Amino acid sequence: FLQPVWDRLRTWEAFAQSPFFPTVFSITVY
């Protein structure tokens, strides 16, 4: 059930692994 979601997110792995992702993610969600 979760694998397609995770596979889609992993296509953004380069950005997700960057030091900017936690900050952008946190501000955007908030």
Full PDB file with SEQRES, HELIX, SHEET, SSBOND, CRYST1, ORIGX, SCALE, CONECT and MASTER records, all heavy atoms in Angstrom:
SEQRES   1 A   30  PHE LEU GLN PRO VAL TRP ASP ARG LEU ARG THR TRP GLU          
SEQRES   2 A   30  ALA PHE ALA GLN SER PRO PHE PHE PRO THR VAL PHE SER          
SEQRES   3 A   30  ILE THR VAL TYR                                              
HELIX    1 AA1 GLN A    3  ARG A   10  1                                   8    
HELIX    2 AA2 GLU A   13  ALA A   16  1                                   4    
HELIX    3 AA3 PHE A   21  VAL A   29  1                                   9    
CRYST1    1.000    1.000    1.000  90.00  90.00  90.00 P 1           1          
ORIGX1      1.000000  0.000000  0.000000        0.00000                         
ORIGX2      0.000000  1.000000  0.000000        0.00000                         
ORIGX3      0.000000  0.000000  1.000000        0.00000                         
SCALE1      1.000000  0.000000  0.000000        0.00000                         
SCALE2      0.000000  1.000000  0.000000        0.00000                         
SCALE3      0.000000  0.000000  1.000000        0.00000                         
ATOM      1  N   PHE A   1       0.819  -1.206   0.000  1.00  0.00           N  
ATOM      2  CA  PHE A   1       0.000   0.000   0.000  1.00  0.00           C  
ATOM      3  C   PHE A   1       0.853   1.256   0.000  1.00  0.00           C  
ATOM      4  O   PHE A   1       0.535   2.247  -0.667  1.00  0.00           O  
ATOM      5  CB  PHE A   1      -0.917  -0.020   1.233  1.00  0.00           C  
ATOM      6  CG  PHE A   1      -1.782   1.195   1.363  1.00  0.00           C  
ATOM      7  CD1 PHE A   1      -2.919   1.352   0.582  1.00  0.00           C  
ATOM      8  CD2 PHE A   1      -1.465   2.203   2.266  1.00  0.00           C  
ATOM      9  CE1 PHE A   1      -3.719   2.482   0.696  1.00  0.00           C  
ATOM     10  CE2 PHE A   1      -2.247   3.332   2.392  1.00  0.00           C  
ATOM     11  CZ  PHE A   1      -3.379   3.464   1.601  1.00  0.00           C  
ATOM     12  N   LEU A   2       1.970   1.243   0.739  1.00  0.00           N  
ATOM     13  CA  LEU A   2       2.809   2.430   0.877  1.00  0.00           C  
ATOM     14  C   LEU A   2       3.947   2.496  -0.145  1.00  0.00           C  
ATOM     15  O   LEU A   2       4.523   3.563  -0.356  1.00  0.00           O  
ATOM     16  CB  LEU A   2       3.412   2.488   2.284  1.00  0.00           C  
ATOM     17  CG  LEU A   2       2.444   2.746   3.432  1.00  0.00           C  
ATOM     18  CD1 LEU A   2       3.173   2.690   4.764  1.00  0.00           C  
ATOM     19  CD2 LEU A   2       1.772   4.110   3.268  1.00  0.00           C  
ATOM     20  N   GLN A   3       4.273   1.359  -0.779  1.00  0.00           N  
ATOM     21  CA  GLN A   3       5.442   1.329  -1.663  1.00  0.00           C  
ATOM     22  C   GLN A   3       5.329   2.304  -2.841  1.00  0.00           C  
ATOM     23  O   GLN A   3       6.302   3.011  -3.138  1.00  0.00           O  
ATOM     24  CB  GLN A   3       5.670  -0.096  -2.177  1.00  0.00           C  
ATOM     25  CG  GLN A   3       7.032  -0.276  -2.862  1.00  0.00           C  
ATOM     26  CD  GLN A   3       8.190  -0.058  -1.895  1.00  0.00           C  
ATOM     27  OE1 GLN A   3       8.216  -0.611  -0.796  1.00  0.00           O  
ATOM     28  NE2 GLN A   3       9.166   0.761  -2.292  1.00  0.00           N  
ATOM     29  N   PRO A   4       4.165   2.408  -3.517  1.00  0.00           N  
ATOM     30  CA  PRO A   4       4.082   3.398  -4.610  1.00  0.00           C  
ATOM     31  C   PRO A   4       4.295   4.832  -4.136  1.00  0.00           C  
ATOM     32  O   PRO A   4       4.902   5.645  -4.839  1.00  0.00           O  
ATOM     33  CB  PRO A   4       2.662   3.201  -5.159  1.00  0.00           C  
ATOM     34  CG  PRO A   4       2.286   1.814  -4.756  1.00  0.00           C  
ATOM     35  CD  PRO A   4       2.947   1.579  -3.445  1.00  0.00           C  
ATOM     36  N   VAL A   5       3.785   5.130  -2.938  1.00  0.00           N  
ATOM     37  CA  VAL A   5       3.981   6.481  -2.380  1.00  0.00           C  
ATOM     38  C   VAL A   5       5.462   6.718  -2.128  1.00  0.00           C  
ATOM     39  O   VAL A   5       6.009   7.784  -2.481  1.00  0.00           O  
ATOM     40  CB  VAL A   5       3.187   6.640  -1.072  1.00  0.00           C  
ATOM     41  CG1 VAL A   5       3.438   8.011  -0.448  1.00  0.00           C  
ATOM     42  CG2 VAL A   5       1.699   6.417  -1.315  1.00  0.00           C  
ATOM     43  N   TRP A   6       6.117   5.721  -1.533  1.00  0.00           N  
ATOM     44  CA  TRP A   6       7.536   5.857  -1.205  1.00  0.00           C  
ATOM     45  C   TRP A   6       8.389   5.921  -2.480  1.00  0.00           C  
ATOM     46  O   TRP A   6       9.344   6.705  -2.555  1.00  0.00           O  
ATOM     47  CB  TRP A   6       7.976   4.709  -0.316  1.00  0.00           C  
ATOM     48  CG  TRP A   6       9.417   4.777   0.120  1.00  0.00           C  
ATOM     49  CD1 TRP A   6      10.386   3.837  -0.073  1.00  0.00           C  
ATOM     50  CD2 TRP A   6      10.057   5.851   0.820  1.00  0.00           C  
ATOM     51  NE1 TRP A   6      11.586   4.247   0.458  1.00  0.00           N  
ATOM     52  CE2 TRP A   6      11.398   5.489   1.021  1.00  0.00           C  
ATOM     53  CE3 TRP A   6       9.614   7.081   1.295  1.00  0.00           C  
ATOM     54  CZ2 TRP A   6      12.312   6.305   1.666  1.00  0.00           C  
ATOM     55  CZ3 TRP A   6      10.522   7.914   1.948  1.00  0.00           C  
ATOM     56  CH2 TRP A   6      11.851   7.522   2.131  1.00  0.00           C  
ATOM     57  N   ASP A   7       8.030   5.112  -3.486  1.00  0.00           N  
ATOM     58  CA  ASP A   7       8.774   5.142  -4.748  1.00  0.00           C  
ATOM     59  C   ASP A   7       8.678   6.523  -5.396  1.00  0.00           C  
ATOM     60  O   ASP A   7       9.660   7.024  -5.965  1.00  0.00           O  
ATOM     61  CB  ASP A   7       8.233   4.081  -5.707  1.00  0.00           C  
ATOM     62  CG  ASP A   7       8.611   2.662  -5.283  1.00  0.00           C  
ATOM     63  OD1 ASP A   7       9.564   2.518  -4.499  1.00  0.00           O  
ATOM     64  OD2 ASP A   7       7.930   1.713  -5.726  1.00  0.00           O  
ATOM     65  N   ARG A   8       7.491   7.125  -5.298  1.00  0.00           N  
ATOM     66  CA  ARG A   8       7.312   8.472  -5.872  1.00  0.00           C  
ATOM     67  C   ARG A   8       8.151   9.505  -5.119  1.00  0.00           C  
ATOM     68  O   ARG A   8       8.787  10.374  -5.733  1.00  0.00           O  
ATOM     69  CB  ARG A   8       5.835   8.851  -5.826  1.00  0.00           C  
ATOM     70  CG  ARG A   8       5.521  10.184  -6.483  1.00  0.00           C  
ATOM     71  CD  ARG A   8       5.833  10.137  -7.971  1.00  0.00           C  
ATOM     72  NE  ARG A   8       5.537  11.411  -8.617  1.00  0.00           N  
ATOM     73  CZ  ARG A   8       4.369  11.703  -9.178  1.00  0.00           C  
ATOM     74  NH1 ARG A   8       3.388  10.804  -9.179  1.00  0.00           N  
ATOM     75  NH2 ARG A   8       4.169  12.867  -9.745  1.00  0.00           N  
ATOM     76  N   LEU A   9       8.183   9.390  -3.806  1.00  0.00           N  
ATOM     77  CA  LEU A   9       8.976  10.322  -3.012  1.00  0.00           C  
ATOM     78  C   LEU A   9      10.469  10.147  -3.271  1.00  0.00           C  
ATOM     79  O   LEU A   9      11.228  11.119  -3.247  1.00  0.00           O  
ATOM     80  CB  LEU A   9       8.679  10.127  -1.522  1.00  0.00           C  
ATOM     81  CG  LEU A   9       7.296  10.579  -1.045  1.00  0.00           C  
ATOM     82  CD1 LEU A   9       7.068  10.173   0.408  1.00  0.00           C  
ATOM     83  CD2 LEU A   9       7.148  12.093  -1.183  1.00  0.00           C  
ATOM     84  N   ARG A  10      10.870   8.922  -3.535  1.00  0.00           N  
ATOM     85  CA  ARG A  10      12.298   8.658  -3.771  1.00  0.00           C  
ATOM     86  C   ARG A  10      12.790   9.249  -5.091  1.00  0.00           C  
ATOM     87  O   ARG A  10      14.005   9.396  -5.285  1.00  0.00           O  
ATOM     88  CB  ARG A  10      12.579   7.158  -3.724  1.00  0.00           C  
ATOM     89  CG  ARG A  10      12.552   6.583  -2.315  1.00  0.00           C  
ATOM     90  CD  ARG A  10      12.913   5.092  -2.290  1.00  0.00           C  
ATOM     91  NE  ARG A  10      14.288   4.887  -2.683  1.00  0.00           N  
ATOM     92  CZ  ARG A  10      14.681   4.233  -3.787  1.00  0.00           C  
ATOM     93  NH1 ARG A  10      13.762   3.741  -4.619  1.00  0.00           N  
ATOM     94  NH2 ARG A  10      15.950   4.074  -4.061  1.00  0.00           N  
ATOM     95  N   THR A  11      11.883   9.588  -5.989  1.00  0.00           N  
ATOM     96  CA  THR A  11      12.302  10.263  -7.222  1.00  0.00           C  
ATOM     97  C   THR A  11      12.833  11.667  -6.924  1.00  0.00           C  
ATOM     98  O   THR A  11      13.505  12.263  -7.762  1.00  0.00           O  
ATOM     99  CB  THR A  11      11.139  10.357  -8.236  1.00  0.00           C  
ATOM    100  OG1 THR A  11      10.087  11.154  -7.676  1.00  0.00           O  
ATOM    101  CG2 THR A  11      10.599   8.977  -8.570  1.00  0.00           C  
ATOM    102  N   TRP A  12      12.498  12.172  -5.727  1.00  0.00           N  
ATOM    103  CA  TRP A  12      12.991  13.474  -5.263  1.00  0.00           C  
ATOM    104  C   TRP A  12      14.153  13.293  -4.267  1.00  0.00           C  
ATOM    105  O   TRP A  12      14.429  14.178  -3.473  1.00  0.00           O  
ATOM    106  CB  TRP A  12      11.876  14.258  -4.579  1.00  0.00           C  
ATOM    107  CG  TRP A  12      10.779  14.669  -5.510  1.00  0.00           C  
ATOM    108  CD1 TRP A  12       9.760  13.889  -5.981  1.00  0.00           C  
ATOM    109  CD2 TRP A  12      10.603  15.948  -6.106  1.00  0.00           C  
ATOM    110  NE1 TRP A  12       8.943  14.601  -6.820  1.00  0.00           N  
ATOM    111  CE2 TRP A  12       9.439  15.877  -6.919  1.00  0.00           C  
ATOM    112  CE3 TRP A  12      11.293  17.164  -6.033  1.00  0.00           C  
ATOM    113  CZ2 TRP A  12       8.975  16.958  -7.654  1.00  0.00           C  
ATOM    114  CZ3 TRP A  12      10.820  18.240  -6.766  1.00  0.00           C  
ATOM    115  CH2 TRP A  12       9.679  18.137  -7.562  1.00  0.00           C  
ATOM    116  N   GLU A  13      14.824  12.148  -4.346  1.00  0.00           N  
ATOM    117  CA  GLU A  13      15.835  11.820  -3.337  1.00  0.00           C  
ATOM    118  C   GLU A  13      16.948  12.863  -3.254  1.00  0.00           C  
ATOM    119  O   GLU A  13      17.422  13.190  -2.168  1.00  0.00           O  
ATOM    120  CB  GLU A  13      16.433  10.438  -3.619  1.00  0.00           C  
ATOM    121  CG  GLU A  13      17.456   9.996  -2.568  1.00  0.00           C  
ATOM    122  CD  GLU A  13      17.844   8.533  -2.706  1.00  0.00           C  
ATOM    123  OE1 GLU A  13      17.397   7.873  -3.669  1.00  0.00           O  
ATOM    124  OE2 GLU A  13      18.594   8.048  -1.845  1.00  0.00           O  
ATOM    125  N   ALA A  14      17.363  13.383  -4.409  1.00  0.00           N  
ATOM    126  CA  ALA A  14      18.455  14.364  -4.388  1.00  0.00           C  
ATOM    127  C   ALA A  14      18.078  15.582  -3.554  1.00  0.00           C  
ATOM    128  O   ALA A  14      18.886  16.090  -2.761  1.00  0.00           O  
ATOM    129  CB  ALA A  14      18.797  14.785  -5.817  1.00  0.00           C  
ATOM    130  N   PHE A  15      16.828  16.048  -3.717  1.00  0.00           N  
ATOM    131  CA  PHE A  15      16.385  17.196  -2.925  1.00  0.00           C  
ATOM    132  C   PHE A  15      16.137  16.795  -1.473  1.00  0.00           C  
ATOM    133  O   PHE A  15      16.476  17.531  -0.542  1.00  0.00           O  
ATOM    134  CB  PHE A  15      15.111  17.777  -3.526  1.00  0.00           C  
ATOM    135  CG  PHE A  15      14.526  18.929  -2.739  1.00  0.00           C  
ATOM    136  CD1 PHE A  15      15.290  20.056  -2.464  1.00  0.00           C  
ATOM    137  CD2 PHE A  15      13.242  18.867  -2.260  1.00  0.00           C  
ATOM    138  CE1 PHE A  15      14.770  21.115  -1.737  1.00  0.00           C  
ATOM    139  CE2 PHE A  15      12.695  19.914  -1.525  1.00  0.00           C  
ATOM    140  CZ  PHE A  15      13.465  21.045  -1.259  1.00  0.00           C  
ATOM    141  N   ALA A  16      15.552  15.599  -1.273  1.00  0.00           N  
ATOM    142  CA  ALA A  16      15.259  15.134   0.085  1.00  0.00           C  
ATOM    143  C   ALA A  16      16.529  14.938   0.897  1.00  0.00           C  
ATOM    144  O   ALA A  16      16.510  15.050   2.128  1.00  0.00           O  
ATOM    145  CB  ALA A  16      14.458  13.830   0.033  1.00  0.00           C  
ATOM    146  N   GLN A  17      17.628  14.628   0.228  1.00  0.00           N  
ATOM    147  CA  GLN A  17      18.906  14.431   0.911  1.00  0.00           C  
ATOM    148  C   GLN A  17      19.699  15.725   1.065  1.00  0.00           C  
ATOM    149  O   GLN A  17      20.741  15.743   1.710  1.00  0.00           O  
ATOM    150  CB  GLN A  17      19.758  13.413   0.136  1.00  0.00           C  
ATOM    151  CG  GLN A  17      19.188  12.007   0.124  1.00  0.00           C  
ATOM    152  CD  GLN A  17      19.305  11.338   1.482  1.00  0.00           C  
ATOM    153  OE1 GLN A  17      18.452  11.516   2.354  1.00  0.00           O  
ATOM    154  NE2 GLN A  17      20.355  10.572   1.689  1.00  0.00           N  
ATOM    155  N   SER A  18      19.197  16.811   0.478  1.00  0.00           N  
ATOM    156  CA  SER A  18      19.911  18.081   0.558  1.00  0.00           C  
ATOM    157  C   SER A  18      19.684  18.725   1.925  1.00  0.00           C  
ATOM    158  O   SER A  18      18.703  18.426   2.610  1.00  0.00           O  
ATOM    159  CB  SER A  18      19.433  19.035  -0.534  1.00  0.00           C  
ATOM    160  OG  SER A  18      18.187  19.613  -0.178  1.00  0.00           O  
ATOM    161  N   PRO A  19      20.567  19.620   2.352  1.00  0.00           N  
ATOM    162  CA  PRO A  19      20.403  20.276   3.651  1.00  0.00           C  
ATOM    163  C   PRO A  19      19.247  21.264   3.681  1.00  0.00           C  
ATOM    164  O   PRO A  19      18.848  21.726   4.739  1.00  0.00           O  
ATOM    165  CB  PRO A  19      21.739  20.992   3.852  1.00  0.00           C  
ATOM    166  CG  PRO A  19      22.250  21.237   2.469  1.00  0.00           C  
ATOM    167  CD  PRO A  19      21.809  20.040   1.662  1.00  0.00           C  
ATOM    168  N   PHE A  20      18.683  21.580   2.508  1.00  0.00           N  
ATOM    169  CA  PHE A  20      17.599  22.561   2.451  1.00  0.00           C  
ATOM    170  C   PHE A  20      16.220  21.920   2.648  1.00  0.00           C  
ATOM    171  O   PHE A  20      15.264  22.612   2.980  1.00  0.00           O  
ATOM    172  CB  PHE A  20      17.633  23.304   1.112  1.00  0.00           C  
ATOM    173  CG  PHE A  20      18.950  23.954   0.825  1.00  0.00           C  
ATOM    174  CD1 PHE A  20      19.831  23.384  -0.080  1.00  0.00           C  
ATOM    175  CD2 PHE A  20      19.329  25.118   1.483  1.00  0.00           C  
ATOM    176  CE1 PHE A  20      21.059  23.972  -0.335  1.00  0.00           C  
ATOM    177  CE2 PHE A  20      20.549  25.720   1.228  1.00  0.00           C  
ATOM    178  CZ  PHE A  20      21.423  25.142   0.317  1.00  0.00           C  
ATOM    179  N   PHE A  21      16.119  20.611   2.432  1.00  0.00           N  
ATOM    180  CA  PHE A  21      14.810  19.963   2.473  1.00  0.00           C  
ATOM    181  C   PHE A  21      14.111  20.092   3.823  1.00  0.00           C  
ATOM    182  O   PHE A  21      12.924  20.457   3.863  1.00  0.00           O  
ATOM    183  CB  PHE A  21      14.935  18.485   2.100  1.00  0.00           C  
ATOM    184  CG  PHE A  21      13.639  17.739   2.217  1.00  0.00           C  
ATOM    185  CD1 PHE A  21      12.630  17.917   1.275  1.00  0.00           C  
ATOM    186  CD2 PHE A  21      13.408  16.879   3.282  1.00  0.00           C  
ATOM    187  CE1 PHE A  21      11.421  17.244   1.393  1.00  0.00           C  
ATOM    188  CE2 PHE A  21      12.207  16.209   3.413  1.00  0.00           C  
ATOM    189  CZ  PHE A  21      11.211  16.388   2.456  1.00  0.00           C  
ATOM    190  N   PRO A  22      14.765  19.812   4.974  1.00  0.00           N  
ATOM    191  CA  PRO A  22      14.048  19.920   6.254  1.00  0.00           C  
ATOM    192  C   PRO A  22      13.475  21.308   6.501  1.00  0.00           C  
ATOM    193  O   PRO A  22      12.354  21.441   7.012  1.00  0.00           O  
ATOM    194  CB  PRO A  22      15.112  19.559   7.295  1.00  0.00           C  
ATOM    195  CG  PRO A  22      16.084  18.716   6.555  1.00  0.00           C  
ATOM    196  CD  PRO A  22      16.131  19.294   5.176  1.00  0.00           C  
ATOM    197  N   THR A  23      14.232  22.341   6.131  1.00  0.00           N  
ATOM    198  CA  THR A  23      13.761  23.713   6.341  1.00  0.00           C  
ATOM    199  C   THR A  23      12.572  24.034   5.434  1.00  0.00           C  
ATOM    200  O   THR A  23      11.549  24.562   5.890  1.00  0.00           O  
ATOM    201  CB  THR A  23      14.899  24.717   6.080  1.00  0.00           C  
ATOM    202  OG1 THR A  23      16.003  24.406   6.936  1.00  0.00           O  
ATOM    203  CG2 THR A  23      14.438  26.135   6.356  1.00  0.00           C  
ATOM    204  N   VAL A  24      12.693  23.707   4.155  1.00  0.00           N  
ATOM    205  CA  VAL A  24      11.607  23.965   3.202  1.00  0.00           C  
ATOM    206  C   VAL A  24      10.371  23.153   3.573  1.00  0.00           C  
ATOM    207  O   VAL A  24       9.237  23.658   3.551  1.00  0.00           O  
ATOM    208  CB  VAL A  24      12.067  23.640   1.767  1.00  0.00           C  
ATOM    209  CG1 VAL A  24      10.899  23.749   0.794  1.00  0.00           C  
ATOM    210  CG2 VAL A  24      13.209  24.556   1.347  1.00  0.00           C  
ATOM    211  N   PHE A  25      10.570  21.901   3.918  1.00  0.00           N  
ATOM    212  CA  PHE A  25       9.465  21.011   4.298  1.00  0.00           C  
ATOM    213  C   PHE A  25       8.728  21.557   5.517  1.00  0.00           C  
ATOM    214  O   PHE A  25       7.497  21.659   5.534  1.00  0.00           O  
ATOM    215  CB  PHE A  25      10.018  19.614   4.587  1.00  0.00           C  
ATOM    216  CG  PHE A  25       8.994  18.633   5.075  1.00  0.00           C  
ATOM    217  CD1 PHE A  25       8.131  18.001   4.192  1.00  0.00           C  
ATOM    218  CD2 PHE A  25       8.907  18.329   6.424  1.00  0.00           C  
ATOM    219  CE1 PHE A  25       7.187  17.086   4.645  1.00  0.00           C  
ATOM    220  CE2 PHE A  25       7.968  17.420   6.882  1.00  0.00           C  
ATOM    221  CZ  PHE A  25       7.106  16.796   5.994  1.00  0.00           C  
ATOM    222  N   SER A  26       9.488  21.930   6.547  1.00  0.00           N  
ATOM    223  CA  SER A  26       8.887  22.411   7.787  1.00  0.00           C  
ATOM    224  C   SER A  26       8.096  23.694   7.583  1.00  0.00           C  
ATOM    225  O   SER A  26       6.948  23.819   8.028  1.00  0.00           O  
ATOM    226  CB  SER A  26       9.978  22.624   8.843  1.00  0.00           C  
ATOM    227  OG  SER A  26       9.438  23.140  10.034  1.00  0.00           O  
ATOM    228  N   ILE A  27       8.700  24.670   6.879  1.00  0.00           N  
ATOM    229  CA  ILE A  27       8.023  25.953   6.646  1.00  0.00           C  
ATOM    230  C   ILE A  27       6.791  25.767   5.773  1.00  0.00           C  
ATOM    231  O   ILE A  27       5.723  26.338   6.046  1.00  0.00           O  
ATOM    232  CB  ILE A  27       8.989  26.964   6.002  1.00  0.00           C  
ATOM    233  CG1 ILE A  27      10.062  27.392   7.004  1.00  0.00           C  
ATOM    234  CG2 ILE A  27       8.237  28.189   5.517  1.00  0.00           C  
ATOM    235  CD1 ILE A  27      11.085  28.356   6.445  1.00  0.00           C  
ATOM    236  N   THR A  28       6.924  24.956   4.729  1.00  0.00           N  
ATOM    237  CA  THR A  28       5.814  24.755   3.798  1.00  0.00           C  
ATOM    238  C   THR A  28       4.624  24.096   4.484  1.00  0.00           C  
ATOM    239  O   THR A  28       3.474  24.535   4.321  1.00  0.00           O  
ATOM    240  CB  THR A  28       6.265  23.899   2.598  1.00  0.00           C  
ATOM    241  OG1 THR A  28       7.367  24.535   1.941  1.00  0.00           O  
ATOM    242  CG2 THR A  28       5.125  23.712   1.613  1.00  0.00           C  
ATOM    243  N   VAL A  29       4.881  23.043   5.248  1.00  0.00           N  
ATOM    244  CA  VAL A  29       3.801  22.338   5.943  1.00  0.00           C  
ATOM    245  C   VAL A  29       3.156  23.257   6.982  1.00  0.00           C  
ATOM    246  O   VAL A  29       1.926  23.353   7.075  1.00  0.00           O  
ATOM    247  CB  VAL A  29       4.325  21.046   6.608  1.00  0.00           C  
ATOM    248  CG1 VAL A  29       3.241  20.417   7.487  1.00  0.00           C  
ATOM    249  CG2 VAL A  29       4.775  20.051   5.552  1.00  0.00           C  
ATOM    250  N   TYR A  30       3.985  23.963   7.741  1.00  0.00           N  
ATOM    251  CA  TYR A  30       3.469  24.840   8.795  1.00  0.00           C  
ATOM    252  C   TYR A  30       2.601  25.959   8.222  1.00  0.00           C  
ATOM    253  O   TYR A  30       1.454  26.154   8.652  1.00  0.00           O  
ATOM    254  CB  TYR A  30       4.634  25.420   9.589  1.00  0.00           C  
ATOM    255  CG  TYR A  30       4.224  26.433  10.627  1.00  0.00           C  
ATOM    256  CD1 TYR A  30       3.450  26.061  11.724  1.00  0.00           C  
ATOM    257  CD2 TYR A  30       4.600  27.769  10.513  1.00  0.00           C  
ATOM    258  CE1 TYR A  30       3.068  26.987  12.679  1.00  0.00           C  
ATOM    259  CE2 TYR A  30       4.231  28.705  11.458  1.00  0.00           C  
ATOM    260  CZ  TYR A  30       3.466  28.305  12.545  1.00  0.00           C  
ATOM    261  OH  TYR A  30       3.079  29.229  13.484  1.00  0.00           O  
TER     262      TYR A  30                                                      
MASTER        0    0    0    3    0    0    0    6  261    1    0    3          
END                                                                             
